[in-house]
Amino acid sequence: MGSSQNNTQQLVQFSGVISNAALSVFQSIIASHSVQIKLVKKRKSKYGDFRYHRSQKTAQITVNSGMSADATVFILAHEIAHFLVHSLYKREQAHGVQWKNTFGELLIQLMDQDIFSESVSRELCLYIEKPTATLRRNSCLHKELFGNDMIESGTIALNDISKGSKFTIGQSPRIYEKLDKRRTRYVCCCLQNKRLYLVSQHLMVNTLE
């Protein structure tokens, strides 16, 4: 089975969740790529994610079920942008310039098709100027997309924020800075006591970007 047919088949699971117009946009974007896409059970720590499994050389996108059509399209676009950037640049920062540009262009393409509701489109016009890894600093857009469904502590994996980013863990007031990677962990500096810690790349943290 070719990648185009396989990806189209995977997107069928989103039928009835998002519009046919949105499905068409996504199908055209990933038609020539090989990526596994899954609609999964709701997770408290994240709305979606992208992972590349180096040992198997496979790419996977997961998106939470139970979200509104606008939120599902937004998150799917967010993760597809990660995939596209990884496919082209490999070592590009998770939410660096290339991702911001790719995500912004994808959102504009979706908006041109009138896929988002009017209220979400208004907020996206501002957001597109400077896309961010999380919506923590854009409460208006977050409310339009997810209502009062705020993600609990642990908004993003440490692996998905850029080197030099500041973050907190859980409810702790301590602020850390992400430094260099050592195998599966990152060296992080606590800004309060200046000590260095090795932190798992998969730990969910609260970014302060």
N, C-alpha and C. Protein backbone atom coordinates (compact mmCIF):
# COMPACT_ATOMS: atom_id res chain seq x y z
N MET A 1 0.85 -1.20 0.00
CA MET A 1 0.00 0.00 0.00
C MET A 1 0.88 1.24 0.00
N GLY A 2 0.64 2.21 -0.89
CA GLY A 2 1.43 3.42 -0.97
C GLY A 2 1.17 4.33 0.20
N SER A 3 2.11 5.24 0.44
CA SER A 3 1.97 6.16 1.58
C SER A 3 0.75 7.04 1.45
N SER A 4 0.43 7.47 0.22
CA SER A 4 -0.73 8.34 0.00
C SER A 4 -2.02 7.65 0.43
N GLN A 5 -2.22 6.40 -0.02
CA GLN A 5 -3.43 5.67 0.33
C GLN A 5 -3.47 5.37 1.82
N ASN A 6 -2.32 5.02 2.39
CA ASN A 6 -2.24 4.69 3.80
C ASN A 6 -2.59 5.89 4.68
N ASN A 7 -2.03 7.07 4.36
CA ASN A 7 -2.32 8.27 5.14
C ASN A 7 -3.78 8.68 5.02
N THR A 8 -4.33 8.56 3.82
CA THR A 8 -5.74 8.89 3.61
C THR A 8 -6.62 7.99 4.45
N GLN A 9 -6.27 6.71 4.51
CA GLN A 9 -7.04 5.75 5.30
C GLN A 9 -6.97 6.09 6.78
N GLN A 10 -5.80 6.51 7.25
CA GLN A 10 -5.65 6.86 8.66
C GLN A 10 -6.49 8.08 9.03
N LEU A 11 -6.60 9.02 8.12
CA LEU A 11 -7.36 10.24 8.39
C LEU A 11 -8.87 10.01 8.42
N VAL A 12 -9.31 8.85 7.93
CA VAL A 12 -10.74 8.52 7.95
C VAL A 12 -11.28 8.54 9.38
N GLN A 13 -10.43 8.20 10.36
CA GLN A 13 -10.86 8.18 11.76
C GLN A 13 -11.29 9.56 12.25
N PHE A 14 -10.90 10.62 11.53
CA PHE A 14 -11.27 11.98 11.91
C PHE A 14 -12.58 12.42 11.23
N SER A 15 -13.12 11.57 10.35
CA SER A 15 -14.40 11.89 9.70
C SER A 15 -15.48 12.01 10.77
N GLY A 16 -16.28 13.04 10.67
CA GLY A 16 -17.31 13.26 11.68
C GLY A 16 -16.80 14.08 12.85
N VAL A 17 -15.47 14.19 12.97
CA VAL A 17 -14.87 15.00 14.02
C VAL A 17 -14.50 16.37 13.47
N ILE A 18 -13.88 16.38 12.29
CA ILE A 18 -13.54 17.63 11.61
C ILE A 18 -14.21 17.64 10.23
N SER A 19 -14.27 18.77 9.60
CA SER A 19 -14.97 18.91 8.32
C SER A 19 -14.23 18.21 7.19
N ASN A 20 -14.96 17.92 6.12
CA ASN A 20 -14.35 17.32 4.93
C ASN A 20 -13.31 18.26 4.32
N ALA A 21 -13.55 19.56 4.45
CA ALA A 21 -12.60 20.55 3.92
C ALA A 21 -11.27 20.44 4.66
N ALA A 22 -11.33 20.28 5.99
CA ALA A 22 -10.11 20.13 6.78
C ALA A 22 -9.40 18.83 6.42
N LEU A 23 -10.16 17.75 6.28
CA LEU A 23 -9.59 16.46 5.90
C LEU A 23 -8.86 16.57 4.57
N SER A 24 -9.47 17.28 3.64
CA SER A 24 -8.88 17.44 2.32
C SER A 24 -7.54 18.16 2.38
N VAL A 25 -7.46 19.21 3.22
CA VAL A 25 -6.21 19.96 3.37
C VAL A 25 -5.12 19.06 3.93
N PHE A 26 -5.44 18.33 5.00
CA PHE A 26 -4.45 17.47 5.63
C PHE A 26 -4.02 16.33 4.70
N GLN A 27 -4.97 15.78 3.97
CA GLN A 27 -4.65 14.69 3.05
C GLN A 27 -3.68 15.15 1.97
N SER A 28 -3.89 16.36 1.47
CA SER A 28 -3.01 16.88 0.42
C SER A 28 -1.61 17.15 0.94
N ILE A 29 -1.51 17.51 2.22
CA ILE A 29 -0.21 17.83 2.81
C ILE A 29 0.63 16.58 3.07
N ILE A 30 0.01 15.51 3.59
CA ILE A 30 0.78 14.34 3.98
C ILE A 30 0.73 13.20 2.97
N ALA A 31 0.10 13.45 1.83
CA ALA A 31 -0.09 12.39 0.83
C ALA A 31 1.21 11.70 0.42
N SER A 32 2.27 12.46 0.30
CA SER A 32 3.53 11.90 -0.17
C SER A 32 4.48 11.52 0.96
N HIS A 33 3.99 11.55 2.20
CA HIS A 33 4.83 11.24 3.35
C HIS A 33 4.39 9.95 4.03
N SER A 34 5.26 9.40 4.85
CA SER A 34 4.95 8.21 5.62
C SER A 34 4.91 8.57 7.10
N VAL A 35 3.71 8.58 7.66
CA VAL A 35 3.54 8.92 9.07
C VAL A 35 2.30 8.21 9.60
N GLN A 36 2.40 7.71 10.82
CA GLN A 36 1.27 7.05 11.46
C GLN A 36 0.50 8.08 12.27
N ILE A 37 -0.82 8.13 12.08
CA ILE A 37 -1.66 9.11 12.76
C ILE A 37 -2.74 8.38 13.55
N LYS A 38 -2.87 8.73 14.83
CA LYS A 38 -3.84 8.05 15.69
C LYS A 38 -4.69 9.05 16.47
N LEU A 39 -5.97 8.76 16.56
CA LEU A 39 -6.89 9.49 17.44
C LEU A 39 -6.95 8.65 18.71
N VAL A 40 -6.51 9.22 19.84
CA VAL A 40 -6.37 8.44 21.07
C VAL A 40 -7.27 8.98 22.19
N LYS A 41 -7.31 8.24 23.29
CA LYS A 41 -8.09 8.66 24.45
C LYS A 41 -7.55 9.97 25.01
N LYS A 42 -8.42 10.72 25.64
CA LYS A 42 -8.05 12.01 26.22
C LYS A 42 -6.94 11.84 27.25
N ARG A 43 -5.92 12.70 27.17
CA ARG A 43 -4.82 12.71 28.13
C ARG A 43 -4.83 14.03 28.89
N LYS A 44 -4.56 14.00 30.18
CA LYS A 44 -4.57 15.22 30.98
C LYS A 44 -3.34 16.08 30.72
N SER A 45 -2.25 15.45 30.30
CA SER A 45 -0.98 16.17 30.20
C SER A 45 -0.75 16.85 28.86
N LYS A 46 -1.50 16.45 27.83
CA LYS A 46 -1.28 17.03 26.50
C LYS A 46 -2.47 16.77 25.60
N TYR A 47 -2.57 17.57 24.55
CA TYR A 47 -3.65 17.42 23.57
C TYR A 47 -3.21 16.58 22.38
N GLY A 48 -1.91 16.55 22.11
CA GLY A 48 -1.40 15.77 20.98
C GLY A 48 0.12 15.73 21.06
N ASP A 49 0.73 14.86 20.24
CA ASP A 49 2.18 14.87 20.18
C ASP A 49 2.70 14.25 18.89
N PHE A 50 3.97 14.52 18.62
CA PHE A 50 4.67 13.93 17.48
C PHE A 50 5.93 13.26 18.01
N ARG A 51 6.17 12.03 17.58
CA ARG A 51 7.38 11.32 17.98
C ARG A 51 7.98 10.60 16.77
N TYR A 52 9.30 10.61 16.74
CA TYR A 52 10.02 9.85 15.72
C TYR A 52 10.79 8.76 16.43
N HIS A 53 10.49 7.51 16.10
CA HIS A 53 11.15 6.37 16.72
C HIS A 53 12.36 5.99 15.87
N ARG A 54 13.54 6.37 16.34
CA ARG A 54 14.75 6.19 15.56
C ARG A 54 15.06 4.72 15.28
N SER A 55 14.83 3.86 16.26
CA SER A 55 15.16 2.45 16.08
C SER A 55 14.33 1.81 14.97
N GLN A 56 13.07 2.24 14.85
CA GLN A 56 12.17 1.69 13.84
C GLN A 56 12.06 2.59 12.60
N LYS A 57 12.62 3.80 12.73
CA LYS A 57 12.55 4.79 11.66
C LYS A 57 11.11 5.05 11.23
N THR A 58 10.27 5.24 12.23
CA THR A 58 8.85 5.52 11.97
C THR A 58 8.43 6.80 12.69
N ALA A 59 7.52 7.54 12.08
CA ALA A 59 7.00 8.79 12.65
C ALA A 59 5.56 8.57 13.08
N GLN A 60 5.19 9.12 14.22
CA GLN A 60 3.82 8.94 14.74
C GLN A 60 3.26 10.23 15.30
N ILE A 61 2.02 10.51 14.95
CA ILE A 61 1.28 11.65 15.48
C ILE A 61 0.08 11.11 16.23
N THR A 62 -0.15 11.62 17.44
CA THR A 62 -1.37 11.26 18.18
C THR A 62 -2.12 12.53 18.55
N VAL A 63 -3.44 12.45 18.49
CA VAL A 63 -4.30 13.59 18.82
C VAL A 63 -5.40 13.08 19.74
N ASN A 64 -5.69 13.83 20.80
CA ASN A 64 -6.73 13.43 21.74
C ASN A 64 -8.11 13.42 21.09
N SER A 65 -8.93 12.47 21.47
CA SER A 65 -10.32 12.45 21.04
C SER A 65 -11.14 13.30 22.01
N GLY A 66 -12.38 13.56 21.66
CA GLY A 66 -13.26 14.29 22.56
C GLY A 66 -13.13 15.80 22.52
N MET A 67 -12.32 16.33 21.60
CA MET A 67 -12.16 17.78 21.50
C MET A 67 -13.11 18.34 20.44
N SER A 68 -13.28 19.63 20.43
CA SER A 68 -14.11 20.27 19.42
C SER A 68 -13.44 20.16 18.06
N ALA A 69 -14.19 20.43 16.99
CA ALA A 69 -13.62 20.37 15.64
C ALA A 69 -12.48 21.37 15.49
N ASP A 70 -12.68 22.60 15.99
CA ASP A 70 -11.63 23.63 15.89
C ASP A 70 -10.36 23.19 16.62
N ALA A 71 -10.52 22.65 17.83
CA ALA A 71 -9.36 22.23 18.62
C ALA A 71 -8.65 21.06 17.96
N THR A 72 -9.42 20.12 17.41
CA THR A 72 -8.82 18.95 16.76
C THR A 72 -8.01 19.37 15.53
N VAL A 73 -8.56 20.28 14.74
CA VAL A 73 -7.84 20.76 13.55
C VAL A 73 -6.57 21.49 13.97
N PHE A 74 -6.68 22.33 14.99
CA PHE A 74 -5.52 23.10 15.47
C PHE A 74 -4.40 22.18 15.95
N ILE A 75 -4.74 21.20 16.77
CA ILE A 75 -3.73 20.28 17.32
C ILE A 75 -3.15 19.39 16.22
N LEU A 76 -3.99 18.91 15.32
CA LEU A 76 -3.49 18.08 14.22
C LEU A 76 -2.52 18.89 13.35
N ALA A 77 -2.84 20.15 13.11
CA ALA A 77 -1.95 21.03 12.34
C ALA A 77 -0.63 21.25 13.08
N HIS A 78 -0.72 21.44 14.39
CA HIS A 78 0.47 21.64 15.24
C HIS A 78 1.43 20.45 15.11
N GLU A 79 0.88 19.24 15.20
CA GLU A 79 1.73 18.04 15.16
C GLU A 79 2.22 17.73 13.75
N ILE A 80 1.40 17.98 12.75
CA ILE A 80 1.85 17.78 11.36
C ILE A 80 2.97 18.74 11.03
N ALA A 81 2.92 19.95 11.58
CA ALA A 81 4.01 20.91 11.37
C ALA A 81 5.31 20.35 11.95
N HIS A 82 5.23 19.73 13.13
CA HIS A 82 6.40 19.09 13.73
C HIS A 82 6.95 18.02 12.79
N PHE A 83 6.07 17.20 12.27
CA PHE A 83 6.48 16.12 11.38
C PHE A 83 7.16 16.64 10.12
N LEU A 84 6.55 17.66 9.51
CA LEU A 84 7.11 18.22 8.28
C LEU A 84 8.49 18.82 8.51
N VAL A 85 8.65 19.52 9.63
CA VAL A 85 9.94 20.13 9.95
C VAL A 85 10.98 19.04 10.21
N HIS A 86 10.57 18.00 10.94
CA HIS A 86 11.51 16.90 11.21
C HIS A 86 11.93 16.24 9.90
N SER A 87 11.00 16.06 8.98
CA SER A 87 11.30 15.40 7.71
C SER A 87 12.31 16.19 6.90
N LEU A 88 12.25 17.52 7.02
CA LEU A 88 13.14 18.37 6.22
C LEU A 88 14.46 18.69 6.91
N TYR A 89 14.40 18.93 8.24
CA TYR A 89 15.58 19.46 8.93
C TYR A 89 16.20 18.51 9.96
N LYS A 90 15.50 17.46 10.33
CA LYS A 90 16.00 16.45 11.27
C LYS A 90 16.33 17.01 12.65
N ARG A 91 17.31 17.89 12.75
CA ARG A 91 17.78 18.37 14.04
C ARG A 91 17.26 19.76 14.41
N GLU A 92 16.29 20.23 13.71
CA GLU A 92 15.73 21.55 14.01
C GLU A 92 15.11 21.55 15.41
N GLN A 93 15.22 22.68 16.13
CA GLN A 93 14.64 22.81 17.46
C GLN A 93 13.14 22.54 17.40
N ALA A 94 12.63 21.88 18.43
CA ALA A 94 11.24 21.44 18.45
C ALA A 94 10.25 22.56 18.12
N HIS A 95 10.43 23.73 18.70
CA HIS A 95 9.53 24.86 18.43
C HIS A 95 10.34 26.06 17.97
N GLY A 96 11.30 25.78 17.10
CA GLY A 96 12.15 26.82 16.56
C GLY A 96 11.52 27.58 15.40
N VAL A 97 12.33 28.35 14.71
CA VAL A 97 11.84 29.22 13.63
C VAL A 97 11.17 28.42 12.53
N GLN A 98 11.76 27.29 12.13
CA GLN A 98 11.18 26.50 11.04
C GLN A 98 9.80 25.97 11.41
N TRP A 99 9.66 25.51 12.66
CA TRP A 99 8.35 25.02 13.09
C TRP A 99 7.33 26.16 13.12
N LYS A 100 7.71 27.30 13.66
CA LYS A 100 6.79 28.45 13.73
C LYS A 100 6.32 28.87 12.34
N ASN A 101 7.25 28.90 11.39
CA ASN A 101 6.90 29.28 10.02
C ASN A 101 5.97 28.25 9.38
N THR A 102 6.31 26.97 9.57
CA THR A 102 5.52 25.89 8.96
C THR A 102 4.12 25.84 9.56
N PHE A 103 4.03 25.94 10.88
CA PHE A 103 2.74 25.91 11.56
C PHE A 103 1.90 27.11 11.15
N GLY A 104 2.52 28.29 11.11
CA GLY A 104 1.80 29.49 10.72
C GLY A 104 1.25 29.40 9.31
N GLU A 105 2.05 28.88 8.37
CA GLU A 105 1.62 28.72 6.98
C GLU A 105 0.46 27.73 6.87
N LEU A 106 0.54 26.65 7.68
CA LEU A 106 -0.51 25.65 7.66
C LEU A 106 -1.82 26.22 8.21
N LEU A 107 -1.73 27.00 9.27
CA LEU A 107 -2.94 27.62 9.84
C LEU A 107 -3.56 28.59 8.84
N ILE A 108 -2.74 29.35 8.12
CA ILE A 108 -3.25 30.28 7.11
C ILE A 108 -3.98 29.51 6.01
N GLN A 109 -3.41 28.39 5.60
CA GLN A 109 -4.04 27.56 4.56
C GLN A 109 -5.40 27.07 5.02
N LEU A 110 -5.50 26.68 6.28
CA LEU A 110 -6.77 26.21 6.83
C LEU A 110 -7.77 27.36 6.96
N MET A 111 -7.28 28.52 7.37
CA MET A 111 -8.16 29.68 7.51
C MET A 111 -8.68 30.14 6.15
N ASP A 112 -7.86 30.02 5.11
CA ASP A 112 -8.28 30.41 3.76
C ASP A 112 -9.45 29.57 3.27
N GLN A 113 -9.58 28.36 3.85
CA GLN A 113 -10.69 27.46 3.48
C GLN A 113 -11.89 27.63 4.41
N ASP A 114 -11.83 28.66 5.27
CA ASP A 114 -12.91 28.93 6.24
C ASP A 114 -13.23 27.71 7.10
N ILE A 115 -12.18 27.01 7.52
CA ILE A 115 -12.36 25.78 8.29
C ILE A 115 -12.63 26.07 9.77
N PHE A 116 -12.02 27.12 10.30
CA PHE A 116 -12.24 27.47 11.71
C PHE A 116 -13.48 28.34 11.87
N SER A 117 -14.06 28.31 13.05
CA SER A 117 -15.19 29.18 13.34
C SER A 117 -14.72 30.63 13.34
N GLU A 118 -15.65 31.54 13.23
CA GLU A 118 -15.30 32.96 13.14
C GLU A 118 -14.55 33.45 14.37
N SER A 119 -15.00 33.02 15.56
CA SER A 119 -14.36 33.49 16.79
C SER A 119 -12.93 32.97 16.91
N VAL A 120 -12.69 31.72 16.51
CA VAL A 120 -11.34 31.15 16.55
C VAL A 120 -10.46 31.82 15.51
N SER A 121 -11.01 32.08 14.35
CA SER A 121 -10.24 32.74 13.28
C SER A 121 -9.75 34.11 13.71
N ARG A 122 -10.58 34.84 14.44
CA ARG A 122 -10.18 36.17 14.93
C ARG A 122 -8.95 36.07 15.83
N GLU A 123 -8.96 35.09 16.74
CA GLU A 123 -7.83 34.93 17.65
C GLU A 123 -6.60 34.39 16.91
N LEU A 124 -6.82 33.55 15.91
CA LEU A 124 -5.70 32.99 15.16
C LEU A 124 -4.95 34.06 14.37
N CYS A 125 -5.66 35.08 13.94
CA CYS A 125 -5.02 36.16 13.18
C CYS A 125 -3.90 36.80 14.00
N LEU A 126 -4.09 36.86 15.32
CA LEU A 126 -3.07 37.41 16.21
C LEU A 126 -2.01 36.35 16.53
N TYR A 127 -2.46 35.14 16.76
CA TYR A 127 -1.55 34.05 17.14
C TYR A 127 -0.55 33.73 16.04
N ILE A 128 -0.97 33.77 14.79
CA ILE A 128 -0.12 33.39 13.67
C ILE A 128 1.11 34.28 13.55
N GLU A 129 1.02 35.51 14.05
CA GLU A 129 2.16 36.41 13.99
C GLU A 129 3.35 35.87 14.78
N LYS A 130 3.06 35.09 15.85
CA LYS A 130 4.13 34.51 16.66
C LYS A 130 3.62 33.24 17.34
N PRO A 131 3.55 32.13 16.58
CA PRO A 131 3.08 30.86 17.16
C PRO A 131 3.98 30.43 18.32
N THR A 132 3.38 29.85 19.36
CA THR A 132 4.13 29.40 20.53
C THR A 132 3.91 27.91 20.76
N ALA A 133 4.81 27.32 21.55
CA ALA A 133 4.73 25.88 21.84
C ALA A 133 3.46 25.53 22.59
N THR A 134 3.04 26.39 23.49
CA THR A 134 1.82 26.16 24.25
C THR A 134 0.93 27.39 24.15
N LEU A 135 -0.31 27.26 24.63
CA LEU A 135 -1.24 28.39 24.59
C LEU A 135 -1.34 29.07 25.95
N ARG A 136 -0.40 28.76 26.85
CA ARG A 136 -0.43 29.33 28.20
C ARG A 136 -0.44 30.85 28.18
N ARG A 137 0.24 31.46 27.19
CA ARG A 137 0.32 32.92 27.14
C ARG A 137 -0.72 33.51 26.18
N ASN A 138 -1.63 32.68 25.71
CA ASN A 138 -2.68 33.16 24.82
C ASN A 138 -4.00 32.61 25.32
N SER A 139 -4.45 33.13 26.44
CA SER A 139 -5.64 32.59 27.11
C SER A 139 -6.91 32.74 26.27
N CYS A 140 -6.98 33.79 25.45
CA CYS A 140 -8.19 34.01 24.65
C CYS A 140 -8.34 32.91 23.60
N LEU A 141 -7.25 32.58 22.90
CA LEU A 141 -7.31 31.51 21.90
C LEU A 141 -7.55 30.17 22.58
N HIS A 142 -6.89 29.94 23.71
CA HIS A 142 -7.08 28.69 24.44
C HIS A 142 -8.54 28.52 24.84
N LYS A 143 -9.15 29.59 25.32
CA LYS A 143 -10.55 29.50 25.74
C LYS A 143 -11.47 29.22 24.56
N GLU A 144 -11.18 29.84 23.41
CA GLU A 144 -12.00 29.60 22.22
C GLU A 144 -11.89 28.15 21.75
N LEU A 145 -10.69 27.58 21.87
CA LEU A 145 -10.46 26.21 21.40
C LEU A 145 -10.91 25.15 22.39
N PHE A 146 -10.61 25.38 23.67
CA PHE A 146 -10.82 24.33 24.66
C PHE A 146 -11.78 24.70 25.79
N GLY A 147 -12.36 25.88 25.75
CA GLY A 147 -13.26 26.29 26.81
C GLY A 147 -12.51 26.39 28.12
N ASN A 148 -13.05 25.78 29.16
CA ASN A 148 -12.41 25.81 30.47
C ASN A 148 -11.58 24.56 30.74
N ASP A 149 -11.36 23.77 29.70
CA ASP A 149 -10.59 22.53 29.85
C ASP A 149 -9.10 22.85 29.86
N MET A 150 -8.60 23.34 30.99
CA MET A 150 -7.19 23.70 31.10
C MET A 150 -6.36 22.46 31.40
N ILE A 151 -5.24 22.33 30.73
CA ILE A 151 -4.34 21.21 31.01
C ILE A 151 -3.75 21.39 32.40
N GLU A 152 -3.66 20.29 33.15
CA GLU A 152 -3.08 20.35 34.48
C GLU A 152 -1.57 20.50 34.39
N SER A 153 -0.91 20.61 35.55
CA SER A 153 0.53 20.81 35.56
C SER A 153 1.22 19.79 34.68
N GLY A 154 2.18 20.23 33.89
CA GLY A 154 2.85 19.36 32.96
C GLY A 154 2.27 19.57 31.58
N THR A 155 2.59 20.69 30.94
CA THR A 155 1.95 21.05 29.68
C THR A 155 2.69 20.54 28.45
N ILE A 156 3.99 20.23 28.59
CA ILE A 156 4.76 19.86 27.42
C ILE A 156 5.98 19.04 27.86
N ALA A 157 6.39 18.10 27.02
CA ALA A 157 7.55 17.28 27.36
C ALA A 157 8.82 18.12 27.29
N LEU A 158 9.76 17.86 28.20
CA LEU A 158 11.02 18.59 28.21
C LEU A 158 11.72 18.49 26.86
N ASN A 159 11.59 17.36 26.21
CA ASN A 159 12.23 17.14 24.91
C ASN A 159 11.71 18.08 23.83
N ASP A 160 10.50 18.63 24.06
CA ASP A 160 9.85 19.44 23.04
C ASP A 160 10.04 20.94 23.22
N ILE A 161 10.84 21.35 24.20
CA ILE A 161 11.13 22.78 24.33
C ILE A 161 12.57 23.05 23.91
N SER A 162 12.86 24.26 23.56
CA SER A 162 14.17 24.61 23.02
C SER A 162 15.23 24.73 24.11
N LYS A 163 16.47 24.50 23.74
CA LYS A 163 17.60 24.69 24.65
C LYS A 163 17.61 26.15 25.11
N GLY A 164 17.78 26.35 26.40
CA GLY A 164 17.78 27.70 26.95
C GLY A 164 16.43 28.12 27.48
N SER A 165 15.39 27.31 27.22
CA SER A 165 14.05 27.65 27.70
C SER A 165 13.96 27.49 29.21
N LYS A 166 13.12 28.32 29.83
CA LYS A 166 12.90 28.26 31.27
C LYS A 166 11.60 27.49 31.52
N PHE A 167 11.59 26.71 32.63
CA PHE A 167 10.39 25.93 32.93
C PHE A 167 10.31 25.62 34.41
N THR A 168 9.11 25.22 34.85
CA THR A 168 8.92 24.75 36.22
C THR A 168 8.40 23.32 36.15
N ILE A 169 8.43 22.62 37.28
CA ILE A 169 7.97 21.23 37.34
C ILE A 169 6.86 21.14 38.37
N GLY A 170 5.68 20.67 37.93
CA GLY A 170 4.56 20.54 38.85
C GLY A 170 4.20 21.86 39.49
N GLN A 171 3.98 21.83 40.80
CA GLN A 171 3.61 23.05 41.54
C GLN A 171 4.81 23.74 42.18
N SER A 172 6.00 23.20 41.93
CA SER A 172 7.20 23.77 42.54
C SER A 172 7.48 25.18 42.00
N PRO A 173 7.89 26.12 42.86
CA PRO A 173 8.19 27.48 42.41
C PRO A 173 9.57 27.60 41.75
N ARG A 174 10.37 26.55 41.85
CA ARG A 174 11.72 26.60 41.29
C ARG A 174 11.68 26.69 39.76
N ILE A 175 12.56 27.50 39.22
CA ILE A 175 12.66 27.68 37.78
C ILE A 175 13.95 27.05 37.27
N TYR A 176 13.84 26.30 36.19
CA TYR A 176 14.99 25.61 35.61
C TYR A 176 15.24 26.10 34.20
N GLU A 177 16.47 25.94 33.76
CA GLU A 177 16.84 26.24 32.38
C GLU A 177 17.34 24.96 31.70
N LYS A 178 16.79 24.67 30.53
CA LYS A 178 17.19 23.48 29.78
C LYS A 178 18.54 23.72 29.10
N LEU A 179 19.48 22.78 29.33
CA LEU A 179 20.81 22.91 28.73
C LEU A 179 21.06 21.77 27.74
N ASP A 180 22.20 21.09 27.83
CA ASP A 180 22.57 20.09 26.84
C ASP A 180 21.98 18.71 27.13
N LYS A 181 21.88 17.89 26.08
CA LYS A 181 21.33 16.55 26.21
C LYS A 181 22.44 15.53 26.43
N ARG A 182 22.16 14.56 27.32
CA ARG A 182 23.06 13.44 27.56
C ARG A 182 22.25 12.16 27.43
N ARG A 183 22.37 11.54 26.27
CA ARG A 183 21.58 10.34 25.96
C ARG A 183 20.09 10.64 26.06
N THR A 184 19.39 10.10 27.07
CA THR A 184 17.94 10.30 27.17
C THR A 184 17.55 11.36 28.19
N ARG A 185 18.56 12.07 28.75
CA ARG A 185 18.27 13.09 29.75
C ARG A 185 18.90 14.43 29.36
N TYR A 186 18.35 15.48 29.94
CA TYR A 186 18.90 16.82 29.70
C TYR A 186 19.51 17.37 30.98
N VAL A 187 20.63 18.07 30.81
CA VAL A 187 21.21 18.81 31.93
C VAL A 187 20.38 20.07 32.10
N CYS A 188 19.85 20.27 33.30
CA CYS A 188 19.04 21.46 33.57
C CYS A 188 19.59 22.17 34.79
N CYS A 189 19.61 23.48 34.73
CA CYS A 189 20.15 24.29 35.82
C CYS A 189 19.00 24.93 36.60
N CYS A 190 18.99 24.72 37.91
CA CYS A 190 18.01 25.39 38.76
C CYS A 190 18.50 26.82 38.99
N LEU A 191 17.73 27.79 38.59
CA LEU A 191 18.17 29.18 38.65
C LEU A 191 18.25 29.71 40.08
N GLN A 192 17.56 29.05 41.02
CA GLN A 192 17.59 29.52 42.40
C GLN A 192 18.87 29.10 43.12
N ASN A 193 19.29 27.82 42.96
CA ASN A 193 20.48 27.37 43.67
C ASN A 193 21.68 27.10 42.77
N LYS A 194 21.49 27.31 41.45
CA LYS A 194 22.56 27.16 40.46
C LYS A 194 23.09 25.72 40.34
N ARG A 195 22.36 24.75 40.87
CA ARG A 195 22.77 23.35 40.76
C ARG A 195 22.31 22.76 39.43
N LEU A 196 23.05 21.75 38.95
CA LEU A 196 22.71 21.08 37.71
C LEU A 196 22.03 19.75 38.01
N TYR A 197 21.00 19.44 37.22
CA TYR A 197 20.27 18.20 37.40
C TYR A 197 20.12 17.50 36.05
N LEU A 198 20.08 16.15 36.09
CA LEU A 198 19.79 15.37 34.89
C LEU A 198 18.31 15.03 34.91
N VAL A 199 17.57 15.50 33.91
CA VAL A 199 16.12 15.36 33.89
C VAL A 199 15.69 14.56 32.66
N SER A 200 14.76 13.63 32.85
CA SER A 200 14.27 12.80 31.75
C SER A 200 13.69 13.66 30.64
N GLN A 201 13.98 13.27 29.39
CA GLN A 201 13.47 14.01 28.24
C GLN A 201 11.95 13.96 28.13
N HIS A 202 11.34 12.95 28.78
CA HIS A 202 9.89 12.78 28.69
C HIS A 202 9.11 13.45 29.82
N LEU A 203 9.83 14.06 30.77
CA LEU A 203 9.14 14.72 31.89
C LEU A 203 8.27 15.86 31.38
N MET A 204 7.02 15.93 31.85
CA MET A 204 6.13 17.00 31.45
C MET A 204 6.41 18.22 32.31
N VAL A 205 6.68 19.34 31.69
CA VAL A 205 7.05 20.57 32.40
C VAL A 205 6.13 21.73 32.01
N ASN A 206 6.23 22.79 32.78
CA ASN A 206 5.46 24.01 32.49
C ASN A 206 6.40 25.05 31.90
N THR A 207 6.31 25.29 30.62
CA THR A 207 7.21 26.24 29.98
C THR A 207 6.87 27.67 30.38
N LEU A 208 7.89 28.49 30.49
CA LEU A 208 7.73 29.90 30.85
C LEU A 208 8.02 30.80 29.66
N GLU A 209 8.00 30.24 28.44
CA GLU A 209 8.30 31.02 27.23
C GLU A 209 7.27 32.12 27.05
